[in-house]
All heavy atoms as atom14 arrays in JSON, in Angstrom:
{
  "sequence": "EMLVSEAFRRQGYTVRETGLDGSDGGIDLILQRDGATT",
  "atom14_mask": [
    [1, 1, 1, 1, 1, 1, 1, 1, 1, 0, 0, 0, 0, 0],
    [1, 1, 1, 1, 1, 1, 1, 1, 0, 0, 0, 0, 0, 0],
    [1, 1, 1, 1, 1, 1, 1, 1, 0, 0, 0, 0, 0, 0],
    [1, 1, 1, 1, 1, 1, 1, 0, 0, 0, 0, 0, 0, 0],
    [1, 1, 1, 1, 1, 1, 0, 0, 0, 0, 0, 0, 0, 0],
    [1, 1, 1, 1, 1, 1, 1, 1, 1, 0, 0, 0, 0, 0],
    [1, 1, 1, 1, 1, 0, 0, 0, 0, 0, 0, 0, 0, 0],
    [1, 1, 1, 1, 1, 1, 1, 1, 1, 1, 1, 0, 0, 0],
    [1, 1, 1, 1, 1, 1, 1, 1, 1, 1, 1, 0, 0, 0],
    [1, 1, 1, 1, 1, 1, 1, 1, 1, 1, 1, 0, 0, 0],
    [1, 1, 1, 1, 1, 1, 1, 1, 1, 0, 0, 0, 0, 0],
    [1, 1, 1, 1, 0, 0, 0, 0, 0, 0, 0, 0, 0, 0],
    [1, 1, 1, 1, 1, 1, 1, 1, 1, 1, 1, 1, 0, 0],
    [1, 1, 1, 1, 1, 1, 1, 0, 0, 0, 0, 0, 0, 0],
    [1, 1, 1, 1, 1, 1, 1, 0, 0, 0, 0, 0, 0, 0],
    [1, 1, 1, 1, 1, 1, 1, 1, 1, 1, 1, 0, 0, 0],
    [1, 1, 1, 1, 1, 1, 1, 1, 1, 0, 0, 0, 0, 0],
    [1, 1, 1, 1, 1, 1, 1, 0, 0, 0, 0, 0, 0, 0],
    [1, 1, 1, 1, 0, 0, 0, 0, 0, 0, 0, 0, 0, 0],
    [1, 1, 1, 1, 1, 1, 1, 1, 0, 0, 0, 0, 0, 0],
    [1, 1, 1, 1, 1, 1, 1, 1, 0, 0, 0, 0, 0, 0],
    [1, 1, 1, 1, 0, 0, 0, 0, 0, 0, 0, 0, 0, 0],
    [1, 1, 1, 1, 1, 1, 0, 0, 0, 0, 0, 0, 0, 0],
    [1, 1, 1, 1, 1, 1, 1, 1, 0, 0, 0, 0, 0, 0],
    [1, 1, 1, 1, 0, 0, 0, 0, 0, 0, 0, 0, 0, 0],
    [1, 1, 1, 1, 0, 0, 0, 0, 0, 0, 0, 0, 0, 0],
    [1, 1, 1, 1, 1, 1, 1, 1, 0, 0, 0, 0, 0, 0],
    [1, 1, 1, 1, 1, 1, 1, 1, 0, 0, 0, 0, 0, 0],
    [1, 1, 1, 1, 1, 1, 1, 1, 0, 0, 0, 0, 0, 0],
    [1, 1, 1, 1, 1, 1, 1, 1, 0, 0, 0, 0, 0, 0],
    [1, 1, 1, 1, 1, 1, 1, 1, 0, 0, 0, 0, 0, 0],
    [1, 1, 1, 1, 1, 1, 1, 1, 1, 0, 0, 0, 0, 0],
    [1, 1, 1, 1, 1, 1, 1, 1, 1, 1, 1, 0, 0, 0],
    [1, 1, 1, 1, 1, 1, 1, 1, 0, 0, 0, 0, 0, 0],
    [1, 1, 1, 1, 0, 0, 0, 0, 0, 0, 0, 0, 0, 0],
    [1, 1, 1, 1, 1, 0, 0, 0, 0, 0, 0, 0, 0, 0],
    [1, 1, 1, 1, 1, 1, 1, 0, 0, 0, 0, 0, 0, 0],
    [1, 1, 1, 1, 1, 1, 1, 0, 0, 0, 0, 0, 0, 0]
  ],
  "atom14_positions": [
    [[-0.15, 2.66, 6.43], [0.87, 2.32, 7.37], [0.74, 3.09, 8.67], [0.92, 2.53, 9.8], [2.26, 2.58, 6.76], [2.6, 1.62, 5.69], [4.06, 1.81, 5.17], [4.84, 2.46, 5.85], [4.37, 1.31, 4.05], [0.0, 0.0, 0.0], [0.0, 0.0, 0.0], [0.0, 0.0, 0.0], [0.0, 0.0, 0.0], [0.0, 0.0, 0.0]],
    [[0.4, 4.39, 8.6], [0.18, 5.17, 9.81], [-0.99, 4.62, 10.62], [-0.97, 4.55, 11.85], [-0.1, 6.64, 9.44], [1.11, 7.35, 8.92], [0.72, 9.0, 8.24], [-0.11, 9.74, 9.64], [0.0, 0.0, 0.0], [0.0, 0.0, 0.0], [0.0, 0.0, 0.0], [0.0, 0.0, 0.0], [0.0, 0.0, 0.0], [0.0, 0.0, 0.0]],
    [[-2.04, 4.22, 9.93], [-3.26, 3.69, 10.58], [-2.91, 2.38, 11.34], [-3.26, 2.18, 12.52], [-4.32, 3.41, 9.54], [-5.64, 2.84, 9.98], [-6.33, 3.85, 10.86], [-6.49, 2.47, 8.77], [0.0, 0.0, 0.0], [0.0, 0.0, 0.0], [0.0, 0.0, 0.0], [0.0, 0.0, 0.0], [0.0, 0.0, 0.0], [0.0, 0.0, 0.0]],
    [[-2.21, 1.45, 10.67], [-1.81, 0.19, 11.28], [-0.87, 0.49, 12.44], [-1.01, -0.15, 13.54], [-1.13, -0.71, 10.24], [-0.56, -1.99, 10.92], [-2.09, -1.12, 9.16], [0.0, 0.0, 0.0], [0.0, 0.0, 0.0], [0.0, 0.0, 0.0], [0.0, 0.0, 0.0], [0.0, 0.0, 0.0], [0.0, 0.0, 0.0], [0.0, 0.0, 0.0]],
    [[0.04, 1.42, 12.29], [0.96, 1.78, 13.37], [0.23, 2.27, 14.59], [0.52, 1.84, 15.73], [1.94, 2.86, 12.87], [2.76, 3.37, 13.9], [0.0, 0.0, 0.0], [0.0, 0.0, 0.0], [0.0, 0.0, 0.0], [0.0, 0.0, 0.0], [0.0, 0.0, 0.0], [0.0, 0.0, 0.0], [0.0, 0.0, 0.0], [0.0, 0.0, 0.0]],
    [[-0.78, 3.16, 14.37], [-1.54, 3.7, 15.51], [-2.37, 2.64, 16.17], [-2.46, 2.62, 17.45], [-2.44, 4.8, 15.01], [-3.23, 5.49, 16.1], [-2.36, 6.27, 17.11], [-1.17, 6.59, 16.77], [-2.85, 6.59, 18.2], [0.0, 0.0, 0.0], [0.0, 0.0, 0.0], [0.0, 0.0, 0.0], [0.0, 0.0, 0.0], [0.0, 0.0, 0.0]],
    [[-2.9, 1.68, 15.44], [-3.66, 0.59, 16.02], [-2.78, -0.26, 16.9], [-3.21, -0.67, 17.99], [-4.29, -0.24, 14.88], [0.0, 0.0, 0.0], [0.0, 0.0, 0.0], [0.0, 0.0, 0.0], [0.0, 0.0, 0.0], [0.0, 0.0, 0.0], [0.0, 0.0, 0.0], [0.0, 0.0, 0.0], [0.0, 0.0, 0.0], [0.0, 0.0, 0.0]],
    [[-1.58, -0.55, 16.47], [-0.68, -1.35, 17.31], [-0.24, -0.56, 18.57], [-0.04, -1.13, 19.65], [0.6, -1.8, 16.51], [0.33, -2.96, 15.67], [0.61, -2.9, 14.28], [-0.13, -4.13, 16.22], [0.38, -4.02, 13.5], [-0.36, -5.27, 15.39], [-0.09, -5.21, 14.02], [0.0, 0.0, 0.0], [0.0, 0.0, 0.0], [0.0, 0.0, 0.0]],
    [[-0.05, 0.74, 18.43], [0.26, 1.57, 19.62], [-0.83, 1.47, 20.63], [-0.56, 1.4, 21.85], [0.44, 3.03, 19.22], [1.78, 3.35, 18.6], [2.08, 4.83, 18.56], [3.35, 5.13, 17.93], [3.56, 5.34, 16.65], [2.48, 5.31, 15.84], [4.73, 5.58, 16.16], [0.0, 0.0, 0.0], [0.0, 0.0, 0.0], [0.0, 0.0, 0.0]],
    [[-2.08, 1.48, 20.18], [-3.19, 1.36, 21.09], [-3.23, 0.01, 21.83], [-3.87, -0.15, 22.83], [-4.52, 1.55, 20.34], [-4.69, 2.93, 19.72], [-5.01, 4.03, 20.64], [-5.16, 5.28, 19.98], [-6.31, 5.78, 19.59], [-7.46, 5.12, 19.84], [-6.39, 6.96, 18.96], [0.0, 0.0, 0.0], [0.0, 0.0, 0.0], [0.0, 0.0, 0.0]],
    [[-2.56, -1.0, 21.23], [-2.45, -2.31, 21.87], [-1.3, -2.38, 22.85], [-1.06, -3.46, 23.43], [-2.31, -3.4, 20.79], [-3.54, -3.6, 19.92], [-3.35, -4.74, 18.93], [-2.26, -5.3, 18.78], [-4.45, -5.12, 18.29], [0.0, 0.0, 0.0], [0.0, 0.0, 0.0], [0.0, 0.0, 0.0], [0.0, 0.0, 0.0], [0.0, 0.0, 0.0]],
    [[-0.58, -1.28, 23.0], [0.51, -1.28, 24.02], [1.9, -1.51, 23.45], [2.84, -1.64, 24.21], [0.0, 0.0, 0.0], [0.0, 0.0, 0.0], [0.0, 0.0, 0.0], [0.0, 0.0, 0.0], [0.0, 0.0, 0.0], [0.0, 0.0, 0.0], [0.0, 0.0, 0.0], [0.0, 0.0, 0.0], [0.0, 0.0, 0.0], [0.0, 0.0, 0.0]],
    [[1.99, -1.57, 22.16], [3.33, -1.73, 21.52], [4.06, -0.39, 21.42], [3.45, 0.64, 21.25], [3.18, -2.32, 20.11], [2.79, -3.73, 20.02], [1.46, -4.1, 19.79], [3.77, -4.78, 20.17], [1.08, -5.43, 19.66], [3.37, -6.1, 20.08], [2.04, -6.44, 19.84], [1.7, -7.75, 19.76], [0.0, 0.0, 0.0], [0.0, 0.0, 0.0]],
    [[5.37, -0.45, 21.52], [6.2, 0.65, 21.07], [6.53, 0.39, 19.65], [7.0, -0.67, 19.27], [7.54, 0.68, 21.91], [7.21, 0.92, 23.29], [8.43, 1.82, 21.41], [0.0, 0.0, 0.0], [0.0, 0.0, 0.0], [0.0, 0.0, 0.0], [0.0, 0.0, 0.0], [0.0, 0.0, 0.0], [0.0, 0.0, 0.0], [0.0, 0.0, 0.0]],
    [[6.21, 1.4, 18.78], [6.28, 1.22, 17.34], [7.33, 2.1, 16.69], [7.39, 3.28, 16.98], [4.92, 1.52, 16.71], [4.95, 1.2, 15.18], [3.76, 0.71, 17.31], [0.0, 0.0, 0.0], [0.0, 0.0, 0.0], [0.0, 0.0, 0.0], [0.0, 0.0, 0.0], [0.0, 0.0, 0.0], [0.0, 0.0, 0.0], [0.0, 0.0, 0.0]],
    [[8.15, 1.5, 15.88], [9.08, 2.29, 15.11], [8.78, 2.07, 13.62], [8.69, 0.97, 13.15], [10.57, 1.87, 15.32], [11.6, 2.65, 14.48], [12.97, 2.6, 15.06], [13.53, 1.29, 15.08], [14.18, 0.74, 14.06], [14.34, 1.41, 12.92], [14.7, -0.46, 14.16], [0.0, 0.0, 0.0], [0.0, 0.0, 0.0], [0.0, 0.0, 0.0]],
    [[8.53, 3.18, 12.94], [8.13, 3.16, 11.53], [9.35, 3.21, 10.66], [10.18, 4.14, 10.75], [7.17, 4.27, 11.2], [5.85, 4.18, 12.02], [5.01, 5.44, 11.84], [5.49, 6.42, 11.24], [3.85, 5.42, 12.28], [0.0, 0.0, 0.0], [0.0, 0.0, 0.0], [0.0, 0.0, 0.0], [0.0, 0.0, 0.0], [0.0, 0.0, 0.0]],
    [[9.54, 2.23, 9.8], [10.7, 2.18, 8.93], [10.33, 2.34, 7.5], [11.18, 2.65, 6.63], [11.5, 0.88, 9.1], [10.68, -0.2, 8.61], [11.82, 0.61, 10.54], [0.0, 0.0, 0.0], [0.0, 0.0, 0.0], [0.0, 0.0, 0.0], [0.0, 0.0, 0.0], [0.0, 0.0, 0.0], [0.0, 0.0, 0.0], [0.0, 0.0, 0.0]],
    [[9.07, 2.14, 7.12], [8.69, 2.13, 5.75], [8.3, 3.45, 5.14], [8.26, 3.6, 3.93], [0.0, 0.0, 0.0], [0.0, 0.0, 0.0], [0.0, 0.0, 0.0], [0.0, 0.0, 0.0], [0.0, 0.0, 0.0], [0.0, 0.0, 0.0], [0.0, 0.0, 0.0], [0.0, 0.0, 0.0], [0.0, 0.0, 0.0], [0.0, 0.0, 0.0]],
    [[7.99, 4.46, 5.98], [7.46, 5.74, 5.44], [8.54, 6.47, 4.69], [8.19, 7.43, 3.9], [6.91, 6.59, 6.6], [5.7, 6.0, 7.3], [5.24, 6.91, 8.41], [4.53, 5.75, 6.3], [0.0, 0.0, 0.0], [0.0, 0.0, 0.0], [0.0, 0.0, 0.0], [0.0, 0.0, 0.0], [0.0, 0.0, 0.0], [0.0, 0.0, 0.0]],
    [[9.81, 6.18, 4.88], [10.84, 6.91, 4.1], [11.27, 6.17, 2.8], [12.16, 6.59, 2.11], [12.1, 7.17, 4.94], [12.78, 5.82, 5.4], [12.24, 4.77, 5.08], [13.81, 5.93, 6.03], [0.0, 0.0, 0.0], [0.0, 0.0, 0.0], [0.0, 0.0, 0.0], [0.0, 0.0, 0.0], [0.0, 0.0, 0.0], [0.0, 0.0, 0.0]],
    [[10.58, 5.02, 2.54], [10.84, 4.31, 1.3], [12.05, 3.41, 1.39], [12.46, 2.82, 0.38], [0.0, 0.0, 0.0], [0.0, 0.0, 0.0], [0.0, 0.0, 0.0], [0.0, 0.0, 0.0], [0.0, 0.0, 0.0], [0.0, 0.0, 0.0], [0.0, 0.0, 0.0], [0.0, 0.0, 0.0], [0.0, 0.0, 0.0], [0.0, 0.0, 0.0]],
    [[12.67, 3.23, 2.59], [13.86, 2.4, 2.67], [13.62, 1.27, 3.65], [14.47, 1.01, 4.5], [15.06, 3.25, 3.1], [14.8, 3.89, 4.33], [0.0, 0.0, 0.0], [0.0, 0.0, 0.0], [0.0, 0.0, 0.0], [0.0, 0.0, 0.0], [0.0, 0.0, 0.0], [0.0, 0.0, 0.0], [0.0, 0.0, 0.0], [0.0, 0.0, 0.0]],
    [[12.51, 0.61, 3.54], [12.12, -0.32, 4.56], [12.78, -1.68, 4.44], [12.85, -2.44, 5.4], [10.57, -0.5, 4.54], [10.07, -1.0, 3.17], [10.73, -0.71, 2.16], [9.11, -1.73, 3.09], [0.0, 0.0, 0.0], [0.0, 0.0, 0.0], [0.0, 0.0, 0.0], [0.0, 0.0, 0.0], [0.0, 0.0, 0.0], [0.0, 0.0, 0.0]],
    [[13.25, -2.07, 3.25], [13.82, -3.38, 3.09], [12.85, -4.51, 3.35], [13.22, -5.6, 3.76], [0.0, 0.0, 0.0], [0.0, 0.0, 0.0], [0.0, 0.0, 0.0], [0.0, 0.0, 0.0], [0.0, 0.0, 0.0], [0.0, 0.0, 0.0], [0.0, 0.0, 0.0], [0.0, 0.0, 0.0], [0.0, 0.0, 0.0], [0.0, 0.0, 0.0]],
    [[11.55, -4.25, 3.13], [10.53, -5.24, 3.35], [9.84, -5.13, 4.72], [8.87, -5.88, 5.02], [0.0, 0.0, 0.0], [0.0, 0.0, 0.0], [0.0, 0.0, 0.0], [0.0, 0.0, 0.0], [0.0, 0.0, 0.0], [0.0, 0.0, 0.0], [0.0, 0.0, 0.0], [0.0, 0.0, 0.0], [0.0, 0.0, 0.0], [0.0, 0.0, 0.0]],
    [[10.33, -4.27, 5.58], [9.78, -4.14, 6.93], [9.24, -2.71, 7.04], [9.96, -1.74, 6.85], [10.89, -4.33, 8.0], [11.47, -5.75, 7.86], [10.33, -4.13, 9.41], [12.67, -5.99, 8.76], [0.0, 0.0, 0.0], [0.0, 0.0, 0.0], [0.0, 0.0, 0.0], [0.0, 0.0, 0.0], [0.0, 0.0, 0.0], [0.0, 0.0, 0.0]],
    [[7.94, -2.63, 7.4], [7.3, -1.31, 7.52], [7.31, -0.85, 8.96], [7.42, 0.37, 9.22], [5.89, -1.37, 6.96], [5.83, -1.66, 5.49], [6.61, -1.08, 4.75], [5.02, -2.58, 5.09], [0.0, 0.0, 0.0], [0.0, 0.0, 0.0], [0.0, 0.0, 0.0], [0.0, 0.0, 0.0], [0.0, 0.0, 0.0], [0.0, 0.0, 0.0]],
    [[7.08, -1.72, 9.91], [7.02, -1.36, 11.29], [7.8, -2.35, 12.07], [7.89, -3.54, 11.74], [5.55, -1.4, 11.8], [4.51, -0.62, 11.02], [3.1, -0.91, 11.61], [4.8, 0.89, 11.05], [0.0, 0.0, 0.0], [0.0, 0.0, 0.0], [0.0, 0.0, 0.0], [0.0, 0.0, 0.0], [0.0, 0.0, 0.0], [0.0, 0.0, 0.0]],
    [[8.4, -1.88, 13.2], [9.04, -2.73, 14.18], [8.36, -2.52, 15.54], [8.33, -1.41, 16.03], [10.56, -2.47, 14.27], [11.25, -2.73, 12.92], [11.18, -3.38, 15.37], [12.72, -2.41, 12.95], [0.0, 0.0, 0.0], [0.0, 0.0, 0.0], [0.0, 0.0, 0.0], [0.0, 0.0, 0.0], [0.0, 0.0, 0.0], [0.0, 0.0, 0.0]],
    [[7.76, -3.59, 16.06], [7.03, -3.5, 17.32], [7.87, -4.06, 18.48], [8.58, -5.03, 18.31], [5.72, -4.34, 17.23], [4.86, -4.09, 16.01], [3.6, -5.02, 16.14], [4.48, -2.68, 15.84], [0.0, 0.0, 0.0], [0.0, 0.0, 0.0], [0.0, 0.0, 0.0], [0.0, 0.0, 0.0], [0.0, 0.0, 0.0], [0.0, 0.0, 0.0]],
    [[7.77, -3.37, 19.63], [8.45, -3.84, 20.79], [7.43, -3.91, 21.95], [6.73, -2.93, 22.18], [9.58, -2.9, 21.21], [10.71, -2.73, 20.17], [11.7, -3.84, 20.26], [11.72, -4.64, 21.2], [12.55, -3.94, 19.25], [0.0, 0.0, 0.0], [0.0, 0.0, 0.0], [0.0, 0.0, 0.0], [0.0, 0.0, 0.0], [0.0, 0.0, 0.0]],
    [[7.42, -5.03, 22.62], [6.56, -5.18, 23.84], [7.02, -6.39, 24.64], [7.27, -7.46, 24.09], [5.08, -5.33, 23.44], [4.13, -5.23, 24.61], [2.65, -5.24, 24.16], [2.23, -6.57, 23.7], [1.02, -6.8, 23.24], [0.11, -5.89, 23.2], [0.72, -8.06, 22.8], [0.0, 0.0, 0.0], [0.0, 0.0, 0.0], [0.0, 0.0, 0.0]],
    [[7.15, -6.17, 25.92], [7.55, -7.22, 26.83], [8.89, -7.9, 26.41], [9.07, -9.1, 26.55], [6.47, -8.3, 26.98], [5.14, -7.69, 27.49], [5.22, -6.74, 28.28], [4.05, -8.18, 27.07], [0.0, 0.0, 0.0], [0.0, 0.0, 0.0], [0.0, 0.0, 0.0], [0.0, 0.0, 0.0], [0.0, 0.0, 0.0], [0.0, 0.0, 0.0]],
    [[9.81, -7.1, 25.86], [11.08, -7.61, 25.5], [11.13, -8.36, 24.16], [12.13, -8.84, 23.77], [0.0, 0.0, 0.0], [0.0, 0.0, 0.0], [0.0, 0.0, 0.0], [0.0, 0.0, 0.0], [0.0, 0.0, 0.0], [0.0, 0.0, 0.0], [0.0, 0.0, 0.0], [0.0, 0.0, 0.0], [0.0, 0.0, 0.0], [0.0, 0.0, 0.0]],
    [[9.98, -8.5, 23.49], [9.92, -9.14, 22.24], [9.85, -8.21, 21.06], [9.23, -7.12, 21.15], [8.66, -10.09, 22.21], [0.0, 0.0, 0.0], [0.0, 0.0, 0.0], [0.0, 0.0, 0.0], [0.0, 0.0, 0.0], [0.0, 0.0, 0.0], [0.0, 0.0, 0.0], [0.0, 0.0, 0.0], [0.0, 0.0, 0.0], [0.0, 0.0, 0.0]],
    [[10.49, -8.6, 19.92], [10.47, -7.76, 18.72], [9.67, -8.41, 17.64], [9.9, -9.62, 17.31], [11.92, -7.55, 18.24], [12.7, -6.9, 19.25], [12.0, -6.76, 16.95], [0.0, 0.0, 0.0], [0.0, 0.0, 0.0], [0.0, 0.0, 0.0], [0.0, 0.0, 0.0], [0.0, 0.0, 0.0], [0.0, 0.0, 0.0], [0.0, 0.0, 0.0]],
    [[8.77, -7.66, 17.04], [7.92, -8.2, 15.96], [8.07, -7.3, 14.73], [7.97, -6.09, 14.81], [6.45, -8.18, 16.41], [6.3, -9.02, 17.59], [5.56, -8.79, 15.29], [0.0, 0.0, 0.0], [0.0, 0.0, 0.0], [0.0, 0.0, 0.0], [0.0, 0.0, 0.0], [0.0, 0.0, 0.0], [0.0, 0.0, 0.0], [0.0, 0.0, 0.0]]
  ]
}
């Protein structure tokens, strides 16, 4: 998860990690870029 997170950061995303604490609810990362949420 950290690796994928860092790769997205290098693509210019702002990344919030939600899955590393075990309470992700199915979502590990939340990406923000150009006003869009992924």
